[in-house]
Amino acid sequence: MPSPQVKNKKKISIKEDSTLKGTFAAVMILGAIIVITWASVYFLYVGRL
């Protein structure tokens, strides 16, 4: 049985530095929003005890 061969062997070059920097920034912003939300709800709860 013959082995399958790939006809299209194109190299795709992506600028990974800028993509990863944007991803890192988005994750940090989302994380900060989550932490701020949790902290505000926690202090609201503790303040009403």
Protein backbone atom coordinates (compact mmCIF):
# COMPACT_ATOMS: atom_id res chain seq x y z
CA MET A 1 0.00 0.00 0.00
CA PRO A 2 1.58 3.32 -1.05
CA SER A 3 2.08 6.05 1.52
CA PRO A 4 0.11 9.28 1.01
CA GLN A 5 2.09 12.23 -0.24
CA VAL A 6 1.44 15.87 0.42
CA LYS A 7 1.46 17.96 -2.76
CA ASN A 8 1.36 21.40 -1.21
CA LYS A 9 4.40 22.04 0.95
CA LYS A 10 4.05 25.76 1.55
CA LYS A 11 5.76 27.46 4.44
CA ILE A 12 3.53 29.89 6.23
CA SER A 13 5.39 32.65 7.99
CA ILE A 14 3.54 34.44 10.76
CA LYS A 15 4.89 37.30 12.78
CA GLU A 16 4.62 35.51 16.10
CA ASP A 17 6.07 38.29 18.23
CA SER A 18 3.31 40.79 17.58
CA THR A 19 0.60 38.13 17.73
CA LEU A 20 1.86 36.80 21.05
CA LYS A 21 2.26 40.28 22.50
CA GLY A 22 -1.34 41.10 21.64
CA THR A 23 -2.54 37.81 23.09
CA PHE A 24 -0.55 38.37 26.29
CA ALA A 25 -1.95 41.88 26.67
CA ALA A 26 -5.52 40.65 26.14
CA VAL A 27 -5.09 37.86 28.70
CA MET A 28 -3.62 40.26 31.26
CA ILE A 29 -6.47 42.74 30.76
CA LEU A 30 -9.07 39.99 31.07
CA GLY A 31 -7.35 38.63 34.18
CA ALA A 32 -7.30 42.09 35.75
CA ILE A 33 -11.01 42.51 35.07
CA ILE A 34 -11.76 39.15 36.69
CA VAL A 35 -9.61 39.95 39.76
CA ILE A 36 -11.21 43.40 40.16
CA THR A 37 -14.69 41.88 39.88
CA TRP A 38 -13.93 39.18 42.46
CA ALA A 39 -12.35 41.67 44.87
CA SER A 40 -15.24 44.12 44.58
CA VAL A 41 -17.84 41.41 45.21
CA TYR A 42 -15.81 40.08 48.14
CA PHE A 43 -15.46 43.47 49.80
CA LEU A 44 -19.13 44.21 49.16
CA TYR A 45 -20.04 40.93 50.88
CA VAL A 46 -17.67 41.50 53.82
CA GLY A 47 -18.91 45.07 54.24
CA ARG A 48 -22.52 43.93 54.57
CA LEU A 49 -21.86 41.32 57.26
